[in-house]
């Protein structure tokens, strides 16, 4: 099941040096805010929650969704990008409701 992006809570992460918002839910593409990119994340085959791939869509081992202001060129070109655990950093212990996050303004959070 996919959910509206504005009603979900997100964690701030840094992926490959880019700031992003992460949720464990699948997001409806038509609810992504203008100027943002939606990617999905696959975790390892042992189900330890280790991110290993970012793609346009993930079918098996879906771990969550990323909302980013930056486009991941390789994902846009190839459809996916393999990553390692070192490419993923949790940036905050707080969770943000997307609608509140956008109201406060990106500059206050990222």
PDB file of N, CA and C in Angstrom:
ATOM      1  N   UNK A   1       0.834  -1.168   0.000  1.00  0.00           N
ATOM      2  CA  UNK A   1       0.000   0.000   0.000  1.00  0.00           C
ATOM      3  C   UNK A   1       0.892   1.248   0.000  1.00  0.00           C
ATOM      4  N   UNK A   2       0.495   2.240  -0.731  1.00  0.00           N
ATOM      5  CA  UNK A   2       1.216   3.519  -0.773  1.00  0.00           C
ATOM      6  C   UNK A   2       0.409   4.569  -0.017  1.00  0.00           C
ATOM      7  N   UNK A   3       1.139   5.501   0.583  1.00  0.00           N
ATOM      8  CA  UNK A   3       0.521   6.526   1.412  1.00  0.00           C
ATOM      9  C   UNK A   3       0.823   7.919   0.870  1.00  0.00           C
ATOM     10  N   UNK A   4      -0.003   8.863   1.232  1.00  0.00           N
ATOM     11  CA  UNK A   4       0.233  10.256   0.890  1.00  0.00           C
ATOM     12  C   UNK A   4       1.482  10.722   1.638  1.00  0.00           C
ATOM     13  N   UNK A   5       2.402  11.337   0.917  1.00  0.00           N
ATOM     14  CA  UNK A   5       3.664  11.752   1.513  1.00  0.00           C
ATOM     15  C   UNK A   5       3.524  12.789   2.603  1.00  0.00           C
ATOM     16  N   UNK A   6       2.478  13.607   2.541  1.00  0.00           N
ATOM     17  CA  UNK A   6       2.373  14.700   3.506  1.00  0.00           C
ATOM     18  C   UNK A   6       1.863  14.267   4.871  1.00  0.00           C
ATOM     19  N   UNK A   7       1.348  13.065   5.001  1.00  0.00           N
ATOM     20  CA  UNK A   7       0.848  12.606   6.291  1.00  0.00           C
ATOM     21  C   UNK A   7       1.794  11.672   7.022  1.00  0.00           C
ATOM     22  N   UNK A   8       3.007  11.503   6.510  1.00  0.00           N
ATOM     23  CA  UNK A   8       3.969  10.564   7.095  1.00  0.00           C
ATOM     24  C   UNK A   8       5.040  11.287   7.899  1.00  0.00           C
ATOM     25  N   UNK A   9       5.667  10.530   8.803  1.00  0.00           N
ATOM     26  CA  UNK A   9       6.812  11.040   9.553  1.00  0.00           C
ATOM     27  C   UNK A   9       8.099  10.588   8.878  1.00  0.00           C
ATOM     28  N   UNK A  10       9.107  11.449   8.928  1.00  0.00           N
ATOM     29  CA  UNK A  10      10.389  11.216   8.266  1.00  0.00           C
ATOM     30  C   UNK A  10      11.549  11.446   9.220  1.00  0.00           C
ATOM     31  N   UNK A  11      12.632  10.743   8.951  1.00  0.00           N
ATOM     32  CA  UNK A  11      13.905  10.962   9.621  1.00  0.00           C
ATOM     33  C   UNK A  11      14.816  11.705   8.656  1.00  0.00           C
ATOM     34  N   UNK A  12      15.648  12.582   9.181  1.00  0.00           N
ATOM     35  CA  UNK A  12      16.637  13.230   8.325  1.00  0.00           C
ATOM     36  C   UNK A  12      17.838  12.299   8.187  1.00  0.00           C
ATOM     37  N   UNK A  13      18.274  12.106   6.948  1.00  0.00           N
ATOM     38  CA  UNK A  13      19.443  11.272   6.668  1.00  0.00           C
ATOM     39  C   UNK A  13      20.331  12.000   5.662  1.00  0.00           C
ATOM     40  N   UNK A  14      21.559  11.541   5.589  1.00  0.00           N
ATOM     41  CA  UNK A  14      22.470  12.000   4.551  1.00  0.00           C
ATOM     42  C   UNK A  14      22.859  10.758   3.760  1.00  0.00           C
ATOM     43  N   UNK A  15      22.585  10.792   2.474  1.00  0.00           N
ATOM     44  CA  UNK A  15      22.842   9.656   1.599  1.00  0.00           C
ATOM     45  C   UNK A  15      23.786  10.112   0.495  1.00  0.00           C
ATOM     46  N   UNK A  16      24.944   9.473   0.442  1.00  0.00           N
ATOM     47  CA  UNK A  16      25.952   9.825  -0.565  1.00  0.00           C
ATOM     48  C   UNK A  16      26.299  11.321  -0.517  1.00  0.00           C
ATOM     49  N   UNK A  17      26.232  11.892   0.679  1.00  0.00           N
ATOM     50  CA  UNK A  17      26.542  13.303   0.860  1.00  0.00           C
ATOM     51  C   UNK A  17      25.369  14.240   0.633  1.00  0.00           C
ATOM     52  N   UNK A  18      24.224  13.726   0.228  1.00  0.00           N
ATOM     53  CA  UNK A  18      23.027  14.539  -0.012  1.00  0.00           C
ATOM     54  C   UNK A  18      22.080  14.432   1.173  1.00  0.00           C
ATOM     55  N   UNK A  19      21.471  15.548   1.536  1.00  0.00           N
ATOM     56  CA  UNK A  19      20.474  15.531   2.598  1.00  0.00           C
ATOM     57  C   UNK A  19      19.153  14.999   2.041  1.00  0.00           C
ATOM     58  N   UNK A  20      18.454  14.230   2.876  1.00  0.00           N
ATOM     59  CA  UNK A  20      17.202  13.609   2.438  1.00  0.00           C
ATOM     60  C   UNK A  20      16.298  13.363   3.638  1.00  0.00           C
ATOM     61  N   UNK A  21      15.055  13.057   3.341  1.00  0.00           N
ATOM     62  CA  UNK A  21      14.082  12.629   4.345  1.00  0.00           C
ATOM     63  C   UNK A  21      13.734  11.175   4.053  1.00  0.00           C
ATOM     64  N   UNK A  22      13.669  10.339   5.105  1.00  0.00           N
ATOM     65  CA  UNK A  22      13.445   8.906   4.949  1.00  0.00           C
ATOM     66  C   UNK A  22      12.240   8.469   5.769  1.00  0.00           C
ATOM     67  N   UNK A  23      11.404   7.629   5.168  1.00  0.00           N
ATOM     68  CA  UNK A  23      10.301   6.970   5.868  1.00  0.00           C
ATOM     69  C   UNK A  23      10.290   5.501   5.460  1.00  0.00           C
ATOM     70  N   UNK A  24       9.801   4.657   6.341  1.00  0.00           N
ATOM     71  CA  UNK A  24       9.717   3.228   6.020  1.00  0.00           C
ATOM     72  C   UNK A  24       8.508   2.876   5.156  1.00  0.00           C
ATOM     73  N   UNK A  25       7.706   3.850   4.810  1.00  0.00           N
ATOM     74  CA  UNK A  25       6.483   3.616   4.040  1.00  0.00           C
ATOM     75  C   UNK A  25       6.695   3.857   2.544  1.00  0.00           C
ATOM     76  N   UNK A  26       5.803   3.301   1.749  1.00  0.00           N
ATOM     77  CA  UNK A  26       5.775   3.591   0.311  1.00  0.00           C
ATOM     78  C   UNK A  26       4.941   4.856   0.107  1.00  0.00           C
ATOM     79  N   UNK A  27       5.410   5.732  -0.759  1.00  0.00           N
ATOM     80  CA  UNK A  27       4.759   7.020  -0.971  1.00  0.00           C
ATOM     81  C   UNK A  27       4.091   7.055  -2.342  1.00  0.00           C
ATOM     82  N   UNK A  28       2.895   7.602  -2.384  1.00  0.00           N
ATOM     83  CA  UNK A  28       2.218   7.832  -3.667  1.00  0.00           C
ATOM     84  C   UNK A  28       2.978   8.928  -4.412  1.00  0.00           C
ATOM     85  N   UNK A  29       3.360   8.639  -5.633  1.00  0.00           N
ATOM     86  CA  UNK A  29       4.178   9.582  -6.408  1.00  0.00           C
ATOM     87  C   UNK A  29       3.481  10.920  -6.629  1.00  0.00           C
ATOM     88  N   UNK A  30       2.177  10.908  -6.755  1.00  0.00           N
ATOM     89  CA  UNK A  30       1.475  12.167  -7.017  1.00  0.00           C
ATOM     90  C   UNK A  30       1.334  13.039  -5.774  1.00  0.00           C
ATOM     91  N   UNK A  31       1.880  12.586  -4.626  1.00  0.00           N
ATOM     92  CA  UNK A  31       1.840  13.401  -3.408  1.00  0.00           C
ATOM     93  C   UNK A  31       3.212  13.968  -3.038  1.00  0.00           C
ATOM     94  N   UNK A  32       4.203  13.754  -3.898  1.00  0.00           N
ATOM     95  CA  UNK A  32       5.547  14.288  -3.648  1.00  0.00           C
ATOM     96  C   UNK A  32       5.529  15.793  -3.924  1.00  0.00           C
ATOM     97  N   UNK A  33       6.051  16.595  -2.998  1.00  0.00           N
ATOM     98  CA  UNK A  33       6.049  18.050  -3.208  1.00  0.00           C
ATOM     99  C   UNK A  33       6.826  18.450  -4.467  1.00  0.00           C
ATOM    100  N   UNK A  34       6.399  19.534  -5.092  1.00  0.00           N
ATOM    101  CA  UNK A  34       7.105  20.049  -6.267  1.00  0.00           C
ATOM    102  C   UNK A  34       8.551  20.338  -5.908  1.00  0.00           C
ATOM    103  N   UNK A  35       9.446  19.993  -6.811  1.00  0.00           N
ATOM    104  CA  UNK A  35      10.866  20.246  -6.600  1.00  0.00           C
ATOM    105  C   UNK A  35      11.580  19.173  -5.801  1.00  0.00           C
ATOM    106  N   UNK A  36      10.874  18.122  -5.427  1.00  0.00           N
ATOM    107  CA  UNK A  36      11.462  17.015  -4.671  1.00  0.00           C
ATOM    108  C   UNK A  36      11.494  15.760  -5.549  1.00  0.00           C
ATOM    109  N   UNK A  37      12.422  14.857  -5.254  1.00  0.00           N
ATOM    110  CA  UNK A  37      12.547  13.590  -5.960  1.00  0.00           C
ATOM    111  C   UNK A  37      12.238  12.459  -4.990  1.00  0.00           C
ATOM    112  N   UNK A  38      11.555  11.440  -5.499  1.00  0.00           N
ATOM    113  CA  UNK A  38      11.203  10.270  -4.702  1.00  0.00           C
ATOM    114  C   UNK A  38      12.012   9.076  -5.180  1.00  0.00           C
ATOM    115  N   UNK A  39      12.683   8.433  -4.256  1.00  0.00           N
ATOM    116  CA  UNK A  39      13.406   7.196  -4.527  1.00  0.00           C
ATOM    117  C   UNK A  39      13.023   6.171  -3.472  1.00  0.00           C
ATOM    118  N   UNK A  40      13.169   4.894  -3.814  1.00  0.00           N
ATOM    119  CA  UNK A  40      12.902   3.836  -2.856  1.00  0.00           C
ATOM    120  C   UNK A  40      14.209   3.134  -2.508  1.00  0.00           C
ATOM    121  N   UNK A  41      14.240   2.546  -1.308  1.00  0.00           N
ATOM    122  CA  UNK A  41      15.466   1.957  -0.782  1.00  0.00           C
ATOM    123  C   UNK A  41      15.232   0.477  -0.482  1.00  0.00           C
ATOM    124  N   UNK A  42      16.206  -0.341  -0.903  1.00  0.00           N
ATOM    125  CA  UNK A  42      16.190  -1.784  -0.607  1.00  0.00           C
ATOM    126  C   UNK A  42      17.214  -2.060   0.478  1.00  0.00           C
ATOM    127  N   UNK A  43      16.864  -2.965   1.390  1.00  0.00           N
ATOM    128  CA  UNK A  43      17.826  -3.372   2.413  1.00  0.00           C
ATOM    129  C   UNK A  43      18.393  -4.736   2.072  1.00  0.00           C
ATOM    130  N   UNK A  44      19.367  -5.146   2.827  1.00  0.00           N
ATOM    131  CA  UNK A  44      20.121  -6.379   2.589  1.00  0.00           C
ATOM    132  C   UNK A  44      19.242  -7.633   2.623  1.00  0.00           C
ATOM    133  N   UNK A  45      19.722  -8.696   2.016  1.00  0.00           N
ATOM    134  CA  UNK A  45      18.982  -9.955   1.944  1.00  0.00           C
ATOM    135  C   UNK A  45      18.817 -10.627   3.308  1.00  0.00           C
ATOM    136  N   UNK A  46      19.665 -10.293   4.275  1.00  0.00           N
ATOM    137  CA  UNK A  46      19.562 -10.882   5.613  1.00  0.00           C
ATOM    138  C   UNK A  46      18.570 -10.119   6.492  1.00  0.00           C
ATOM    139  N   UNK A  47      17.942  -9.089   5.936  1.00  0.00           N
ATOM    140  CA  UNK A  47      16.920  -8.287   6.633  1.00  0.00           C
ATOM    141  C   UNK A  47      17.440  -7.662   7.924  1.00  0.00           C
ATOM    142  N   UNK A  48      18.660  -7.139   7.867  1.00  0.00           N
ATOM    143  CA  UNK A  48      19.250  -6.476   9.021  1.00  0.00           C
ATOM    144  C   UNK A  48      19.050  -4.965   8.977  1.00  0.00           C
ATOM    145  N   UNK A  49      18.326  -4.474   7.966  1.00  0.00           N
ATOM    146  CA  UNK A  49      18.095  -3.048   7.860  1.00  0.00           C
ATOM    147  C   UNK A  49      19.300  -2.274   7.366  1.00  0.00           C
ATOM    148  N   UNK A  50      20.122  -2.913   6.569  1.00  0.00           N
ATOM    149  CA  UNK A  50      21.293  -2.251   5.993  1.00  0.00           C
ATOM    150  C   UNK A  50      20.929  -1.838   4.572  1.00  0.00           C
ATOM    151  N   UNK A  51      20.893  -0.528   4.292  1.00  0.00           N
ATOM    152  CA  UNK A  51      20.528  -0.081   2.944  1.00  0.00           C
ATOM    153  C   UNK A  51      21.583  -0.511   1.931  1.00  0.00           C
ATOM    154  N   UNK A  52      21.133  -1.029   0.789  1.00  0.00           N
ATOM    155  CA  UNK A  52      22.104  -1.499  -0.211  1.00  0.00           C
ATOM    156  C   UNK A  52      21.776  -1.032  -1.628  1.00  0.00           C
ATOM    157  N   UNK A  53      20.604  -0.472  -1.850  1.00  0.00           N
ATOM    158  CA  UNK A  53      20.247  -0.007  -3.189  1.00  0.00           C
ATOM    159  C   UNK A  53      19.205   1.108  -3.107  1.00  0.00           C
ATOM    160  N   UNK A  54      19.384   2.100  -3.964  1.00  0.00           N
ATOM    161  CA  UNK A  54      18.390   3.150  -4.154  1.00  0.00           C
ATOM    162  C   UNK A  54      17.902   3.022  -5.589  1.00  0.00           C
ATOM    163  N   UNK A  55      16.597   3.080  -5.779  1.00  0.00           N
ATOM    164  CA  UNK A  55      16.038   2.895  -7.117  1.00  0.00           C
ATOM    165  C   UNK A  55      14.756   3.707  -7.268  1.00  0.00           C
ATOM    166  N   UNK A  56      14.282   3.743  -8.508  1.00  0.00           N
ATOM    167  CA  UNK A  56      12.986   4.395  -8.740  1.00  0.00           C
ATOM    168  C   UNK A  56      11.877   3.626  -8.057  1.00  0.00           C
ATOM    169  N   UNK A  57      11.962   2.301  -8.138  1.00  0.00           N
ATOM    170  CA  UNK A  57      10.979   1.421  -7.488  1.00  0.00           C
ATOM    171  C   UNK A  57      11.704   0.182  -6.982  1.00  0.00           C
ATOM    172  N   UNK A  58      11.295  -0.264  -5.799  1.00  0.00           N
ATOM    173  CA  UNK A  58      11.845  -1.480  -5.201  1.00  0.00           C
ATOM    174  C   UNK A  58      10.695  -2.456  -5.005  1.00  0.00           C
ATOM    175  N   UNK A  59      10.893  -3.686  -5.453  1.00  0.00           N
ATOM    176  CA  UNK A  59       9.860  -4.711  -5.270  1.00  0.00           C
ATOM    177  C   UNK A  59      10.196  -5.652  -4.117  1.00  0.00           C
ATOM    178  N   UNK A  60      11.439  -6.128  -4.040  1.00  0.00           N
ATOM    179  CA  UNK A  60      11.848  -7.105  -3.039  1.00  0.00           C
ATOM    180  C   UNK A  60      12.763  -6.430  -2.027  1.00  0.00           C
ATOM    181  N   UNK A  61      12.581  -6.745  -0.753  1.00  0.00           N
ATOM    182  CA  UNK A  61      13.376  -6.179   0.342  1.00  0.00           C
ATOM    183  C   UNK A  61      13.201  -4.662   0.444  1.00  0.00           C
ATOM    184  N   UNK A  62      11.995  -4.193   0.181  1.00  0.00           N
ATOM    185  CA  UNK A  62      11.716  -2.763   0.323  1.00  0.00           C
ATOM    186  C   UNK A  62      11.982  -2.354   1.764  1.00  0.00           C
ATOM    187  N   UNK A  63      12.739  -1.263   1.939  1.00  0.00           N
ATOM    188  CA  UNK A  63      13.061  -0.774   3.277  1.00  0.00           C
ATOM    189  C   UNK A  63      12.394   0.566   3.559  1.00  0.00           C
ATOM    190  N   UNK A  64      12.256   1.395   2.506  1.00  0.00           N
ATOM    191  CA  UNK A  64      11.619   2.679   2.722  1.00  0.00           C
ATOM    192  C   UNK A  64      11.741   3.592   1.517  1.00  0.00           C
ATOM    193  N   UNK A  65      11.319   4.849   1.726  1.00  0.00           N
ATOM    194  CA  UNK A  65      11.308   5.863   0.663  1.00  0.00           C
ATOM    195  C   UNK A  65      12.151   7.057   1.079  1.00  0.00           C
ATOM    196  N   UNK A  66      12.803   7.648   0.099  1.00  0.00           N
ATOM    197  CA  UNK A  66      13.597   8.856   0.287  1.00  0.00           C
ATOM    198  C   UNK A  66      12.954  10.008  -0.464  1.00  0.00           C
ATOM    199  N   UNK A  67      12.855  11.150   0.181  1.00  0.00           N
ATOM    200  CA  UNK A  67      12.499  12.389  -0.492  1.00  0.00           C
ATOM    201  C   UNK A  67      13.742  13.258  -0.489  1.00  0.00           C
ATOM    202  N   UNK A  68      14.114  13.745  -1.674  1.00  0.00           N
ATOM    203  CA  UNK A  68      15.338  14.519  -1.804  1.00  0.00           C
ATOM    204  C   UNK A  68      15.110  15.734  -2.684  1.00  0.00           C
ATOM    205  N   UNK A  69      15.815  16.803  -2.376  1.00  0.00           N
ATOM    206  CA  UNK A  69      15.821  17.987  -3.237  1.00  0.00           C
ATOM    207  C   UNK A  69      16.774  17.784  -4.413  1.00  0.00           C
ATOM    208  N   UNK A  70      17.756  16.911  -4.230  1.00  0.00           N
ATOM    209  CA  UNK A  70      18.755  16.657  -5.262  1.00  0.00           C
ATOM    210  C   UNK A  70      18.404  15.417  -6.070  1.00  0.00           C
ATOM    211  N   UNK A  71      18.651  15.503  -7.356  1.00  0.00           N
ATOM    212  CA  UNK A  71      18.429  14.365  -8.244  1.00  0.00           C
ATOM    213  C   UNK A  71      19.644  13.448  -8.184  1.00  0.00           C
ATOM    214  N   UNK A  72      19.419  12.162  -8.063  1.00  0.00           N
ATOM    215  CA  UNK A  72      20.500  11.189  -8.133  1.00  0.00           C
ATOM    216  C   UNK A  72      20.639  10.765  -9.593  1.00  0.00           C
ATOM    217  N   UNK A  73      21.603  11.341 -10.275  1.00  0.00           N
ATOM    218  CA  UNK A  73      21.751  11.156 -11.722  1.00  0.00           C
ATOM    219  C   UNK A  73      21.844   9.702 -12.138  1.00  0.00           C
ATOM    220  N   UNK A  74      22.595   8.902 -11.376  1.00  0.00           N
ATOM    221  CA  UNK A  74      22.751   7.499 -11.751  1.00  0.00           C
ATOM    222  C   UNK A  74      21.431   6.737 -11.649  1.00  0.00           C
ATOM    223  N   UNK A  75      20.628   7.058 -10.643  1.00  0.00           N
ATOM    224  CA  UNK A  75      19.313   6.410 -10.509  1.00  0.00           C
ATOM    225  C   UNK A  75      18.421   6.839 -11.671  1.00  0.00           C
ATOM    226  N   UNK A  76      18.456   8.118 -11.999  1.00  0.00           N
ATOM    227  CA  UNK A  76      17.651   8.607 -13.119  1.00  0.00           C
ATOM    228  C   UNK A  76      18.068   7.953 -14.432  1.00  0.00           C
ATOM    229  N   UNK A  77      19.360   7.732 -14.623  1.00  0.00           N
ATOM    230  CA  UNK A  77      19.879   7.161 -15.870  1.00  0.00           C
ATOM    231  C   UNK A  77      19.742   5.634 -15.921  1.00  0.00           C
ATOM    232  N   UNK A  78      20.191   4.961 -14.852  1.00  0.00           N
ATOM    233  CA  UNK A  78      20.246   3.494 -14.846  1.00  0.00           C
ATOM    234  C   UNK A  78      19.033   2.839 -14.171  1.00  0.00           C
ATOM    235  N   UNK A  79      18.301   3.597 -13.373  1.00  0.00           N
ATOM    236  CA  UNK A  79      17.150   3.049 -12.672  1.00  0.00           C
ATOM    237  C   UNK A  79      17.454   2.619 -11.248  1.00  0.00           C
ATOM    238  N   UNK A  80      18.739   2.478 -10.907  1.00  0.00           N
ATOM    239  CA  UNK A  80      19.129   2.072  -9.557  1.00  0.00           C
ATOM    240  C   UNK A  80      20.568   2.482  -9.282  1.00  0.00           C
ATOM    241  N   UNK A  81      20.936   2.415  -8.006  1.00  0.00           N
ATOM    242  CA  UNK A  81      22.294   2.721  -7.573  1.00  0.00           C
ATOM    243  C   UNK A  81      22.583   1.875  -6.347  1.00  0.00           C
ATOM    244  N   UNK A  82      23.640   1.068  -6.400  1.00  0.00           N
ATOM    245  CA  UNK A  82      24.046   0.280  -5.236  1.00  0.00           C
ATOM    246  C   UNK A  82      24.777   1.189  -4.256  1.00  0.00           C
ATOM    247  N   UNK A  83      24.478   1.026  -2.982  1.00  0.00           N
ATOM    248  CA  UNK A  83      25.139   1.814  -1.940  1.00  0.00           C
ATOM    249  C   UNK A  83      25.628   0.870  -0.848  1.00  0.00           C
ATOM    250  N   UNK A  84      26.461   1.398   0.029  1.00  0.00           N
ATOM    251  CA  UNK A  84      26.930   0.622   1.174  1.00  0.00           C
ATOM    252  C   UNK A  84      26.435   1.290   2.451  1.00  0.00           C
ATOM    253  N   UNK A  85      26.615   0.611   3.538  1.00  0.00           N
ATOM    254  CA  UNK A  85      26.179   1.135   4.834  1.00  0.00           C
ATOM    255  C   UNK A  85      26.866   2.471   5.142  1.00  0.00           C
ATOM    256  N   UNK A  86      28.079   2.647   4.677  1.00  0.00           N
ATOM    257  CA  UNK A  86      28.834   3.882   4.920  1.00  0.00           C
ATOM    258  C   UNK A  86      28.269   5.071   4.147  1.00  0.00           C
ATOM    259  N   UNK A  87      27.458   4.824   3.137  1.00  0.00           N
ATOM    260  CA  UNK A  87      26.856   5.894   2.335  1.00  0.00           C
ATOM    261  C   UNK A  87      25.615   6.494   2.994  1.00  0.00           C
ATOM    262  N   UNK A  88      25.215   5.944   4.144  1.00  0.00           N
ATOM    263  CA  UNK A  88      23.949   6.309   4.797  1.00  0.00           C
ATOM    264  C   UNK A  88      24.234   6.779   6.224  1.00  0.00           C
ATOM    265  N   UNK A  89      23.871   8.015   6.542  1.00  0.00           N
ATOM    266  CA  UNK A  89      24.092   8.576   7.876  1.00  0.00           C
ATOM    267  C   UNK A  89      22.781   9.142   8.398  1.00  0.00           C
ATOM    268  N   UNK A  90      22.412   8.750   9.621  1.00  0.00           N
ATOM    269  CA  UNK A  90      21.239   9.356  10.260  1.00  0.00           C
ATOM    270  C   UNK A  90      21.648  10.729  10.777  1.00  0.00           C
ATOM    271  N   UNK A  91      20.880  11.755  10.406  1.00  0.00           N
ATOM    272  CA  UNK A  91      21.251  13.137  10.699  1.00  0.00           C
ATOM    273  C   UNK A  91      20.525  13.709  11.909  1.00  0.00           C
ATOM    274  N   UNK A  92      19.509  13.021  12.409  1.00  0.00           N
ATOM    275  CA  UNK A  92      18.741  13.550  13.535  1.00  0.00           C
ATOM    276  C   UNK A  92      17.993  12.419  14.208  1.00  0.00           C
ATOM    277  N   UNK A  93      17.802  12.555  15.510  1.00  0.00           N
ATOM    278  CA  UNK A  93      17.030  11.555  16.247  1.00  0.00           C
ATOM    279  C   UNK A  93      15.542  11.880  16.224  1.00  0.00           C
ATOM    280  N   UNK A  94      15.188  13.033  15.679  1.00  0.00           N
ATOM    281  CA  UNK A  94      13.795  13.466  15.626  1.00  0.00           C
ATOM    282  C   UNK A  94      13.099  12.943  14.379  1.00  0.00           C
ATOM    283  N   UNK A  95      11.791  12.793  14.479  1.00  0.00           N
ATOM    284  CA  UNK A  95      10.953  12.482  13.328  1.00  0.00           C
ATOM    285  C   UNK A  95      10.178  13.740  12.967  1.00  0.00           C
ATOM    286  N   UNK A  96       9.978  13.953  11.678  1.00  0.00           N
ATOM    287  CA  UNK A  96       9.287  15.143  11.193  1.00  0.00           C
ATOM    288  C   UNK A  96       8.072  14.744  10.373  1.00  0.00           C
ATOM    289  N   UNK A  97       6.932  15.344  10.657  1.00  0.00           N
ATOM    290  CA  UNK A  97       5.769  15.229   9.803  1.00  0.00           C
ATOM    291  C   UNK A  97       6.050  16.119   8.594  1.00  0.00           C
ATOM    292  N   UNK A  98       5.924  15.607   7.397  1.00  0.00           N
ATOM    293  CA  UNK A  98       6.338  16.343   6.206  1.00  0.00           C
ATOM    294  C   UNK A  98       5.628  17.688   6.094  1.00  0.00           C
ATOM    295  N   UNK A  99       4.337  17.721   6.359  1.00  0.00           N
ATOM    296  CA  UNK A  99       3.610  18.977   6.233  1.00  0.00           C
ATOM    297  C   UNK A  99       4.163  20.038   7.191  1.00  0.00           C
ATOM    298  N   UNK A 100       4.517  19.650   8.410  1.00  0.00           N
ATOM    299  CA  UNK A 100       5.113  20.591   9.362  1.00  0.00           C
ATOM    300  C   UNK A 100       6.506  20.996   8.919  1.00  0.00           C
ATOM    301  N   UNK A 101       7.262  20.048   8.420  1.00  0.00           N
ATOM    302  CA  UNK A 101       8.621  20.294   7.939  1.00  0.00           C
ATOM    303  C   UNK A 101       8.606  21.337   6.818  1.00  0.00           C
ATOM    304  N   UNK A 102       7.710  21.186   5.883  1.00  0.00           N
ATOM    305  CA  UNK A 102       7.633  22.108   4.755  1.00  0.00           C
ATOM    306  C   UNK A 102       7.138  23.487   5.193  1.00  0.00           C
ATOM    307  N   UNK A 103       6.234  23.534   6.175  1.00  0.00           N
ATOM    308  CA  UNK A 103       5.731  24.820   6.671  1.00  0.00           C
ATOM    309  C   UNK A 103       6.832  25.633   7.336  1.00  0.00           C
ATOM    310  N   UNK A 104       7.688  24.965   8.104  1.00  0.00           N
ATOM    311  CA  UNK A 104       8.760  25.666   8.808  1.00  0.00           C
ATOM    312  C   UNK A 104       9.862  26.136   7.857  1.00  0.00           C
ATOM    313  N   UNK A 105       9.961  25.495   6.742  1.00  0.00           N
ATOM    314  CA  UNK A 105      10.989  25.876   5.777  1.00  0.00           C
ATOM    315  C   UNK A 105      12.195  24.972   5.871  1.00  0.00           C
ATOM    316  N   UNK A 106      12.676  24.582   4.737  1.00  0.00           N
ATOM    317  CA  UNK A 106      13.786  23.653   4.648  1.00  0.00           C
ATOM    318  C   UNK A 106      15.042  24.187   5.339  1.00  0.00           C
ATOM    319  N   UNK A 107      15.301  25.465   5.252  1.00  0.00           N
ATOM    320  CA  UNK A 107      16.537  26.023   5.788  1.00  0.00           C
ATOM    321  C   UNK A 107      16.662  25.845   7.304  1.00  0.00           C
ATOM    322  N   UNK A 108      15.541  25.748   8.004  1.00  0.00           N
ATOM    323  CA  UNK A 108      15.599  25.548   9.448  1.00  0.00           C
ATOM    324  C   UNK A 108      15.980  24.134   9.807  1.00  0.00           C
ATOM    325  N   UNK A 109      15.767  23.179   8.897  1.00  0.00           N
ATOM    326  CA  UNK A 109      15.973  21.766   9.222  1.00  0.00           C
ATOM    327  C   UNK A 109      17.218  21.179   8.588  1.00  0.00           C
ATOM    328  N   UNK A 110      17.571  21.603   7.406  1.00  0.00           N
ATOM    329  CA  UNK A 110      18.679  20.951   6.705  1.00  0.00           C
ATOM    330  C   UNK A 110      19.855  21.872   6.581  1.00  0.00           C
TER     331      UNK A 110
END
